Amino acid sequence: MNETLLRNVKVVDPTGPHHDTTVDILIRNGVIAKVAARISAKDARAVNYEGAHASPGWVDLRAHFRDPGEEWKAGLANGLDAAAAGGFTAVAVLPSTKPVTDDRAGIGYLLQRAQGHPVQLLPIGALTQGLKGEQLAELYDQQQAGAVAFGDDQRTIRNSRLMMLALQYSSGVGAAPVMVYPNDPDLSRGGQMHEGPMSTRVGLKGLPPVAETLQLQRDLALQAYAGGHLHVSTISTAESVALIREAKARKQHITASVAAHNLLLDDGCLRGFETCYKVTPPLRDLEHIEALRDGVKDGTIDAIVSDHRPEDREHKVLEFGQAAFGIIGLETAFAVANTAVKGRMSLRRLIERFTHGPRAVLGTPLVHIVEGTTANLTLFDPELNWVCGEQDLVSKSHNTPFLGQRLTGRPLGIVSGTIVRMVPSFALANA
């Protein structure tokens, strides 16, 4: 018999029966057998950390594992290990691989390679063939193979009729969301950072907020006309938050996400031309950051994502204009988001954006900490102060601006069925 006893954990499970209580949780053969104030199970493996909290397992809606095609940057196994280290029990992976994941075989490859890992892989199928924006991919075949959503990553579908058809067609294949990255490529061409006083000061071409909001206005109008579920990925501007809030008030089926780093870092970080801060959407100024935080708090933004994009030194350690966009984020997503919003909203609200929000986007059942259900838990300490070091990164690529930075809050581990996987430093502490 496989038994694990989680001792003295505070439950953060919005709408769950044990929310905001401190309990013991007994897991037997992968199922939550008992939840009580005190449980005696002398043969069970005990997991006991001061300050430990437990929530339903976290879900990340936006990560790139560079597999197939660029496995030296990450790979499926390494990406899933990084997700586990970040407290995620499920992660949605992007289709912009080499070759593009745009058919049944591509979806099948991802799911087959991920079998047996405690983190569930959720494939996002390409919306258009080859991400070219010219013809819809085989959406039905991908959905039947296991795709949970469709999108072209950071490629803009310029053809409005094609976008309208995608929304109409997707509503007939299990209501899978169409995930868009709002960006007008003509307005943003050549941009390196947020357009504003800081970009003028350092002499870099800016990425104007209007490039995001103009494209978003079109997509919202198309969704209002065609129906379907439109998910707006990684918004970064105050105007986008307002537009999505208004669309939701009109009862449009719109959901949205924000990258954790866009809640904490501003464009002033780029004054030293450090490429670890080069991301897209770019780090904006305080006005936009405050609007994003408000959007997370009031539910306009449904999910916080890692936007995990591994890059090797050959693509990242270059002159600023030549360096690739993107940072890794799985290991630090919760800590970064928690640091950004601490004191501004309740822990319950924040955890919703990692648990219930992402599941609602995908249309999957909510998970609760309840007796008789399969164990799907994240263990974390929201008060732990720590400095991110190389030893804390599981990812092959270390393109992150958070090395050496002090953060508040950290995942301790995950429980997925019969598997308990602790973050390496905490596994040693509990040995």
Protein backbone atom coordinates (compact mmCIF):
# COMPACT_ATOMS: atom_id res chain seq x y z
CA MET A 1 0.00 0.00 0.00
CA ASN A 2 1.27 3.45 -0.97
CA GLU A 3 0.48 6.04 1.70
CA THR A 4 1.60 9.64 2.07
CA LEU A 5 0.58 11.90 4.94
CA LEU A 6 0.76 15.65 4.46
CA ARG A 7 1.06 17.09 7.93
CA ASN A 8 -0.26 20.41 9.16
CA VAL A 9 -0.96 22.07 5.79
CA LYS A 10 -3.16 25.11 5.31
CA VAL A 11 -5.62 24.50 2.49
CA VAL A 12 -6.13 27.17 -0.16
CA ASP A 13 -8.95 25.76 -2.27
CA PRO A 14 -11.43 28.45 -3.35
CA THR A 15 -15.01 27.09 -3.20
CA GLY A 16 -13.66 23.83 -1.74
CA PRO A 17 -15.01 22.42 1.55
CA HIS A 18 -11.68 22.66 3.39
CA HIS A 19 -10.62 26.12 2.24
CA ASP A 20 -8.73 28.16 4.82
CA THR A 21 -8.40 25.28 7.29
CA THR A 22 -5.20 23.69 8.62
CA VAL A 23 -5.40 19.92 8.30
CA ASP A 24 -3.60 16.64 7.72
CA ILE A 25 -4.20 14.98 4.33
CA LEU A 26 -3.79 11.22 3.93
CA ILE A 27 -3.22 9.99 0.39
CA ARG A 28 -3.60 6.24 -0.15
CA ASN A 29 -2.77 4.66 -3.51
CA GLY A 30 -3.06 8.01 -5.25
CA VAL A 31 -6.45 8.93 -3.77
CA ILE A 32 -7.21 11.40 -1.00
CA ALA A 33 -8.38 8.99 1.70
CA LYS A 34 -8.91 11.40 4.60
CA VAL A 35 -8.79 15.08 5.44
CA ALA A 36 -8.89 15.89 9.16
CA ALA A 37 -7.38 18.07 11.85
CA ARG A 38 -5.14 15.22 12.98
CA ILE A 39 -4.53 11.85 11.31
CA SER A 40 -2.55 8.92 12.66
CA ALA A 41 -0.90 6.77 9.98
CA LYS A 42 2.34 5.35 11.33
CA ASP A 43 3.28 3.51 8.12
CA ALA A 44 2.70 6.47 5.81
CA ARG A 45 5.47 8.63 4.41
CA ALA A 46 5.16 11.91 6.27
CA VAL A 47 5.66 15.24 4.52
CA ASN A 48 5.92 18.05 7.02
CA TYR A 49 7.15 21.61 6.41
CA GLU A 50 6.61 24.65 8.56
CA GLY A 51 4.42 27.13 6.69
CA ALA A 52 3.26 24.60 4.09
CA HIS A 53 0.05 25.33 2.17
CA ALA A 54 -1.81 22.98 -0.18
CA SER A 55 -3.99 23.88 -3.14
CA PRO A 56 -5.41 22.03 -6.13
CA GLY A 57 -2.63 21.42 -8.64
CA TRP A 58 -1.53 24.47 -10.63
CA VAL A 59 -1.99 24.64 -14.41
CA ASP A 60 0.22 26.66 -16.77
CA LEU A 61 -1.42 27.64 -20.04
CA ARG A 62 1.65 28.78 -21.97
CA ALA A 63 5.03 27.10 -22.15
CA HIS A 64 7.48 26.20 -24.90
CA PHE A 65 9.56 23.04 -24.58
CA ARG A 66 11.38 23.38 -27.95
CA ASP A 67 10.49 19.78 -28.78
CA PRO A 68 10.62 18.62 -31.49
CA GLY A 69 13.36 20.58 -33.24
CA GLU A 70 15.45 22.38 -30.61
CA GLU A 71 15.73 19.86 -27.81
CA TRP A 72 19.13 21.18 -26.71
CA LYS A 73 17.32 24.23 -25.30
CA ALA A 74 14.86 22.18 -23.23
CA GLY A 75 13.03 19.07 -24.48
CA LEU A 76 9.84 17.50 -23.19
CA ALA A 77 11.34 15.68 -20.20
CA ASN A 78 13.30 18.73 -19.06
CA GLY A 79 10.31 21.01 -19.57
CA LEU A 80 8.03 18.77 -17.53
CA ASP A 81 10.66 18.55 -14.78
CA ALA A 82 10.85 22.35 -14.73
CA ALA A 83 7.06 22.51 -14.46
CA ALA A 84 7.12 20.17 -11.47
CA ALA A 85 9.80 22.32 -9.83
CA GLY A 86 7.51 25.31 -10.37
CA GLY A 87 4.57 23.60 -8.64
CA PHE A 88 2.58 22.80 -11.78
CA THR A 89 0.73 19.51 -12.19
CA ALA A 90 -0.31 20.30 -15.77
CA VAL A 91 1.20 22.46 -18.49
CA ALA A 92 -0.06 23.47 -21.94
CA VAL A 93 2.68 23.46 -24.57
CA LEU A 94 2.85 25.68 -27.63
CA PRO A 95 2.75 24.34 -31.22
CA SER A 96 5.57 26.50 -32.67
CA THR A 97 7.99 23.59 -32.87
CA LYS A 98 10.11 22.30 -35.76
CA PRO A 99 8.15 20.82 -37.43
CA VAL A 100 5.01 22.66 -36.35
CA THR A 101 2.54 20.70 -34.22
CA ASP A 102 -0.39 21.03 -36.61
CA ASP A 103 -1.71 17.50 -37.11
CA ARG A 104 -2.75 14.32 -35.33
CA ALA A 105 0.75 12.84 -35.48
CA GLY A 106 2.31 15.89 -33.84
CA ILE A 107 -0.17 15.82 -30.97
CA GLY A 108 0.34 12.09 -30.57
CA TYR A 109 4.13 12.52 -30.41
CA LEU A 110 3.85 14.96 -27.50
CA LEU A 111 1.42 12.85 -25.51
CA GLN A 112 3.37 9.64 -26.07
CA ARG A 113 6.65 11.22 -24.94
CA ALA A 114 5.01 12.67 -21.81
CA GLN A 115 3.47 9.40 -20.58
CA GLY A 116 4.40 8.43 -17.05
CA HIS A 117 5.47 11.88 -15.92
CA PRO A 118 3.69 13.31 -12.85
CA VAL A 119 3.03 16.55 -14.75
CA GLN A 120 0.25 16.26 -17.32
CA LEU A 121 1.14 17.63 -20.74
CA LEU A 122 -1.68 19.52 -22.50
CA PRO A 123 -0.96 20.03 -26.22
CA ILE A 124 -2.02 23.23 -27.96
CA GLY A 125 -2.59 22.49 -31.63
CA ALA A 126 -1.68 24.94 -34.38
CA LEU A 127 -4.60 27.02 -35.60
CA THR A 128 -3.27 27.33 -39.16
CA GLN A 129 -1.14 24.97 -41.22
CA GLY A 130 2.53 25.57 -40.54
CA LEU A 131 1.60 28.69 -38.51
CA LYS A 132 1.48 30.52 -41.84
CA GLY A 133 -1.92 32.11 -41.33
CA GLU A 134 -3.12 31.00 -44.75
CA GLN A 135 -5.27 27.91 -44.18
CA LEU A 136 -6.82 26.34 -41.10
CA ALA A 137 -5.03 23.30 -39.74
CA GLU A 138 -6.88 20.02 -39.17
CA LEU A 139 -8.57 21.20 -35.97
CA TYR A 140 -10.90 18.22 -35.59
CA ASP A 141 -8.12 15.67 -36.03
CA GLN A 142 -5.93 17.50 -33.52
CA GLN A 143 -8.76 17.71 -31.01
CA GLN A 144 -9.49 14.01 -31.38
CA ALA A 145 -5.81 13.27 -30.80
CA GLY A 146 -5.80 15.28 -27.56
CA ALA A 147 -5.33 18.99 -28.32
CA VAL A 148 -6.92 21.16 -25.64
CA ALA A 149 -6.81 24.47 -27.54
CA PHE A 150 -5.68 26.00 -30.82
CA GLY A 151 -3.34 28.89 -31.48
CA ASP A 152 -0.43 30.11 -33.58
CA ASP A 153 1.72 31.16 -30.62
CA GLN A 154 2.95 34.72 -31.32
CA ARG A 155 2.02 34.72 -35.00
CA THR A 156 -0.78 37.10 -35.93
CA ILE A 157 -3.55 35.88 -38.22
CA ARG A 158 -3.91 38.89 -40.48
CA ASN A 159 -6.74 37.46 -42.56
CA SER A 160 -9.90 38.48 -40.71
CA ARG A 161 -12.07 36.02 -42.61
CA LEU A 162 -9.76 33.15 -41.63
CA MET A 163 -9.90 34.26 -38.00
CA MET A 164 -13.70 34.38 -38.14
CA LEU A 165 -13.82 30.86 -39.60
CA ALA A 166 -11.47 29.62 -36.90
CA LEU A 167 -13.77 30.92 -34.18
CA GLN A 168 -16.83 29.42 -35.84
CA TYR A 169 -15.19 26.07 -36.47
CA SER A 170 -13.58 25.74 -33.07
CA SER A 171 -16.95 26.06 -31.34
CA GLY A 172 -17.91 22.77 -32.98
CA VAL A 173 -14.91 20.77 -31.79
CA GLY A 174 -15.49 20.52 -28.08
CA ALA A 175 -15.56 24.29 -27.48
CA ALA A 176 -11.75 24.38 -27.47
CA PRO A 177 -10.52 27.96 -27.07
CA VAL A 178 -8.84 29.84 -29.89
CA MET A 179 -5.74 31.36 -28.32
CA VAL A 180 -4.51 34.60 -29.86
CA TYR A 181 -1.52 36.81 -29.19
CA PRO A 182 -2.76 40.34 -29.89
CA ASN A 183 -0.17 42.18 -31.92
CA ASP A 184 -0.24 44.19 -35.13
CA PRO A 185 3.00 43.11 -36.81
CA ASP A 186 3.20 46.22 -38.98
CA LEU A 187 3.08 48.56 -35.98
CA SER A 188 5.50 46.47 -33.93
CA ARG A 189 8.03 45.59 -36.64
CA GLY A 190 11.58 46.12 -35.42
CA GLY A 191 10.52 47.01 -31.88
CA GLN A 192 12.80 45.97 -29.04
CA MET A 193 11.07 47.22 -25.87
CA HIS A 194 8.03 49.16 -24.63
CA GLU A 195 7.56 52.43 -26.50
CA GLY A 196 7.78 55.28 -24.01
CA PRO A 197 10.18 57.71 -22.35
CA MET A 198 12.58 54.89 -21.46
CA SER A 199 12.87 53.62 -25.05
CA THR A 200 13.60 57.18 -26.18
CA ARG A 201 16.22 57.59 -23.46
CA VAL A 202 18.11 54.40 -24.34
CA GLY A 203 17.65 54.77 -28.09
CA LEU A 204 15.78 51.54 -28.81
CA LYS A 205 12.84 51.25 -31.19
CA GLY A 206 9.65 50.83 -29.21
CA LEU A 207 6.80 48.34 -29.26
CA PRO A 208 3.76 50.62 -28.99
CA PRO A 209 0.80 49.60 -26.80
CA VAL A 210 -1.53 50.41 -29.70
CA ALA A 211 -0.07 47.44 -31.63
CA GLU A 212 -1.63 45.18 -29.02
CA THR A 213 -4.92 46.97 -28.50
CA LEU A 214 -5.66 47.53 -32.19
CA GLN A 215 -5.34 43.81 -32.94
CA LEU A 216 -7.34 42.95 -29.84
CA GLN A 217 -10.19 45.23 -30.92
CA ARG A 218 -10.45 43.34 -34.21
CA ASP A 219 -10.43 39.94 -32.54
CA LEU A 220 -13.06 40.97 -29.98
CA ALA A 221 -15.28 42.27 -32.78
CA LEU A 222 -14.89 39.01 -34.70
CA GLN A 223 -15.76 36.96 -31.63
CA ALA A 224 -18.87 39.06 -31.01
CA TYR A 225 -19.96 38.33 -34.59
CA ALA A 226 -18.87 34.69 -35.00
CA GLY A 227 -19.12 33.29 -31.47
CA GLY A 228 -16.70 30.71 -30.18
CA HIS A 229 -14.28 31.03 -27.27
CA LEU A 230 -11.51 33.58 -27.69
CA HIS A 231 -8.61 33.38 -25.25
CA VAL A 232 -6.31 36.40 -25.29
CA SER A 233 -2.82 35.34 -24.28
CA THR A 234 -0.32 37.42 -22.31
CA ILE A 235 -1.91 40.86 -22.45
CA SER A 236 0.36 43.70 -21.33
CA THR A 237 -1.47 47.03 -21.62
CA ALA A 238 -4.02 48.97 -19.59
CA GLU A 239 -6.14 49.40 -22.71
CA SER A 240 -6.29 45.63 -23.23
CA VAL A 241 -7.49 45.11 -19.67
CA ALA A 242 -10.25 47.68 -20.20
CA LEU A 243 -11.33 46.17 -23.54
CA ILE A 244 -11.54 42.67 -22.10
CA ARG A 245 -13.40 43.89 -19.03
CA GLU A 246 -15.97 45.57 -21.29
CA ALA A 247 -16.29 42.46 -23.50
CA LYS A 248 -16.94 40.29 -20.46
CA ALA A 249 -19.58 42.74 -19.28
CA ARG A 250 -21.28 42.21 -22.65
CA LYS A 251 -21.25 38.44 -21.93
CA GLN A 252 -18.81 37.63 -24.71
CA HIS A 253 -16.97 34.34 -24.26
CA ILE A 254 -13.58 35.89 -23.65
CA THR A 255 -10.79 34.78 -21.33
CA ALA A 256 -7.34 36.25 -20.85
CA SER A 257 -3.94 35.57 -19.31
CA VAL A 258 -0.90 37.58 -18.25
CA ALA A 259 2.73 36.50 -17.93
CA ALA A 260 3.95 36.58 -14.34
CA HIS A 261 6.97 38.74 -15.17
CA ASN A 262 4.74 41.44 -16.69
CA LEU A 263 3.18 41.88 -13.25
CA LEU A 264 6.50 42.64 -11.55
CA LEU A 265 9.14 44.07 -13.89
CA ASP A 266 8.96 47.42 -15.70
CA ASP A 267 10.72 48.87 -18.72
CA GLY A 268 13.29 50.58 -16.51
CA CYS A 269 15.00 47.19 -16.22
CA LEU A 270 16.27 47.62 -19.79
CA ARG A 271 18.34 50.75 -19.14
CA GLY A 272 21.40 48.51 -18.86
CA PHE A 273 20.66 46.70 -22.16
CA GLU A 274 20.60 43.31 -20.41
CA THR A 275 19.05 40.81 -22.81
CA CYS A 276 17.59 38.71 -19.98
CA TYR A 277 14.87 41.39 -19.78
CA LYS A 278 14.05 41.21 -23.50
CA VAL A 279 10.58 39.68 -23.75
CA THR A 280 7.47 40.01 -25.85
CA PRO A 281 5.04 41.37 -24.96
CA PRO A 282 7.56 43.81 -23.53
CA LEU A 283 7.95 44.98 -19.98
CA ARG A 284 5.73 48.06 -19.79
CA ASP A 285 5.66 51.09 -17.48
CA LEU A 286 3.96 51.36 -14.09
CA GLU A 287 0.61 52.57 -15.47
CA HIS A 288 0.18 49.36 -17.46
CA ILE A 289 1.51 47.15 -14.65
CA GLU A 290 -1.00 48.57 -12.17
CA ALA A 291 -3.84 47.92 -14.64
CA LEU A 292 -2.68 44.33 -15.11
CA ARG A 293 -2.60 43.79 -11.34
CA ASP A 294 -6.13 45.21 -11.07
CA GLY A 295 -7.22 42.87 -13.86
CA VAL A 296 -5.85 39.87 -11.98
CA LYS A 297 -7.58 41.00 -8.81
CA ASP A 298 -11.06 41.55 -10.29
CA GLY A 299 -11.04 38.50 -12.55
CA THR A 300 -10.75 40.31 -15.87
CA ILE A 301 -7.56 38.27 -16.29
CA ASP A 302 -8.37 34.60 -15.71
CA ALA A 303 -4.91 33.05 -15.53
CA ILE A 304 -1.29 33.86 -14.74
CA VAL A 305 1.13 32.01 -17.02
CA SER A 306 4.86 31.37 -17.13
CA ASP A 307 5.33 32.10 -20.86
CA HIS A 308 8.32 29.77 -20.49
CA ARG A 309 10.65 30.25 -23.49
CA PRO A 310 14.07 28.60 -23.14
CA GLU A 311 16.92 30.06 -25.19
CA ASP A 312 20.58 29.02 -25.31
CA ARG A 313 23.49 31.43 -24.96
CA GLU A 314 24.02 31.54 -28.73
CA HIS A 315 20.58 33.13 -29.14
CA LYS A 316 20.41 35.21 -25.96
CA VAL A 317 23.89 36.48 -25.04
CA LEU A 318 24.22 38.87 -27.98
CA GLU A 319 23.94 42.57 -28.72
CA PHE A 320 20.48 43.64 -27.59
CA GLY A 321 19.02 44.06 -31.07
CA GLN A 322 20.19 40.61 -32.15
CA ALA A 323 19.15 38.68 -29.04
CA ALA A 324 16.07 36.47 -29.04
CA PHE A 325 12.98 37.46 -27.09
CA GLY A 326 11.89 35.33 -24.15
CA ILE A 327 12.79 34.04 -20.70
CA ILE A 328 12.23 30.84 -18.77
CA GLY A 329 9.46 31.15 -16.22
CA LEU A 330 8.14 27.82 -14.96
CA GLU A 331 10.33 27.59 -11.84
CA THR A 332 9.68 31.20 -10.79
CA ALA A 333 6.14 32.00 -12.03
CA PHE A 334 4.40 31.70 -8.67
CA ALA A 335 7.14 33.47 -6.73
CA VAL A 336 7.23 36.35 -9.22
CA ALA A 337 3.44 36.77 -9.27
CA ASN A 338 3.19 36.48 -5.48
CA THR A 339 5.93 39.08 -5.02
CA ALA A 340 4.16 41.40 -7.47
CA VAL A 341 0.70 41.32 -5.88
CA LYS A 342 1.46 40.63 -2.21
CA GLY A 343 -0.50 43.05 -0.07
CA ARG A 344 -2.70 44.02 -3.02
CA MET A 345 -5.02 41.00 -3.08
CA SER A 346 -5.78 37.90 -1.09
CA LEU A 347 -3.83 34.68 -1.50
CA ARG A 348 -7.11 33.03 -2.46
CA ARG A 349 -7.45 35.30 -5.51
CA LEU A 350 -3.90 34.64 -6.59
CA ILE A 351 -4.24 30.86 -6.29
CA GLU A 352 -7.44 30.98 -8.33
CA ARG A 353 -5.39 32.36 -11.22
CA PHE A 354 -3.15 29.27 -11.06
CA THR A 355 -5.88 26.67 -10.43
CA HIS A 356 -9.52 27.34 -11.26
CA GLY A 357 -8.88 30.09 -13.82
CA PRO A 358 -6.72 28.02 -16.20
CA ARG A 359 -9.08 25.03 -15.94
CA ALA A 360 -12.06 27.26 -16.76
CA VAL A 361 -10.19 28.52 -19.84
CA LEU A 362 -9.73 24.93 -21.05
CA GLY A 363 -13.25 23.87 -20.06
CA THR A 364 -12.00 21.09 -17.78
CA PRO A 365 -13.57 20.20 -14.41
CA LEU A 366 -12.36 22.09 -11.37
CA VAL A 367 -10.20 20.17 -8.93
CA HIS A 368 -10.80 20.29 -5.17
CA ILE A 369 -9.13 18.79 -2.13
CA VAL A 370 -11.87 16.31 -1.24
CA GLU A 371 -11.86 12.79 0.11
CA GLY A 372 -12.28 10.16 -2.59
CA THR A 373 -10.70 12.17 -5.40
CA THR A 374 -7.41 11.51 -7.16
CA ALA A 375 -4.61 13.47 -5.52
CA ASN A 376 -3.71 16.50 -7.63
CA LEU A 377 -2.05 18.98 -5.28
CA THR A 378 0.54 21.70 -5.14
CA LEU A 379 2.42 22.34 -1.91
CA PHE A 380 3.82 25.83 -1.40
CA ASP A 381 4.84 28.44 1.14
CA PRO A 382 3.54 31.94 0.26
CA GLU A 383 5.67 33.66 2.92
CA LEU A 384 9.07 32.13 2.22
CA ASN A 385 11.70 34.72 1.32
CA TRP A 386 14.45 33.35 -0.90
CA VAL A 387 17.03 34.36 -3.48
CA CYS A 388 16.84 32.57 -6.81
CA GLY A 389 20.11 30.83 -7.66
CA GLU A 390 21.42 28.56 -10.40
CA GLN A 391 20.72 25.55 -8.17
CA ASP A 392 17.00 26.43 -8.19
CA LEU A 393 16.68 26.14 -11.96
CA VAL A 394 15.86 22.75 -13.46
CA SER A 395 15.63 24.07 -17.03
CA LYS A 396 18.58 23.39 -19.34
CA SER A 397 18.47 27.03 -20.40
CA HIS A 398 19.02 29.69 -17.74
CA ASN A 399 17.76 32.77 -19.58
CA THR A 400 16.04 34.44 -16.65
CA PRO A 401 16.34 37.90 -15.09
CA PHE A 402 15.57 36.52 -11.63
CA LEU A 403 18.94 34.98 -10.80
CA GLY A 404 20.15 36.72 -7.65
CA GLN A 405 16.76 38.37 -7.08
CA ARG A 406 14.92 38.12 -3.77
CA LEU A 407 11.39 36.76 -4.13
CA THR A 408 8.55 35.95 -1.74
CA GLY A 409 6.68 32.65 -1.92
CA ARG A 410 7.82 29.37 -3.36
CA PRO A 411 6.43 25.99 -4.42
CA LEU A 412 7.57 23.07 -2.25
CA GLY A 413 6.41 20.21 -4.46
CA ILE A 414 3.52 18.46 -6.15
CA VAL A 415 1.41 15.38 -5.50
CA SER A 416 0.11 13.67 -8.63
CA GLY A 417 -1.64 10.40 -7.90
CA THR A 418 0.83 8.12 -6.16
CA ILE A 419 3.82 10.34 -7.04
CA VAL A 420 5.11 12.93 -4.59
CA ARG A 421 7.78 15.12 -6.17
CA MET A 422 9.35 17.77 -3.98
CA VAL A 423 11.46 20.66 -5.20
CA PRO A 424 15.02 19.29 -4.84
CA SER A 425 16.13 21.49 -1.92
CA PHE A 426 12.99 20.65 0.04
CA ALA A 427 13.24 16.95 -0.76
CA LEU A 428 16.63 16.95 1.00
CA ALA A 429 15.21 18.86 3.96
CA ASN A 430 12.47 16.26 4.42
CA ALA A 431 14.69 13.21 3.88
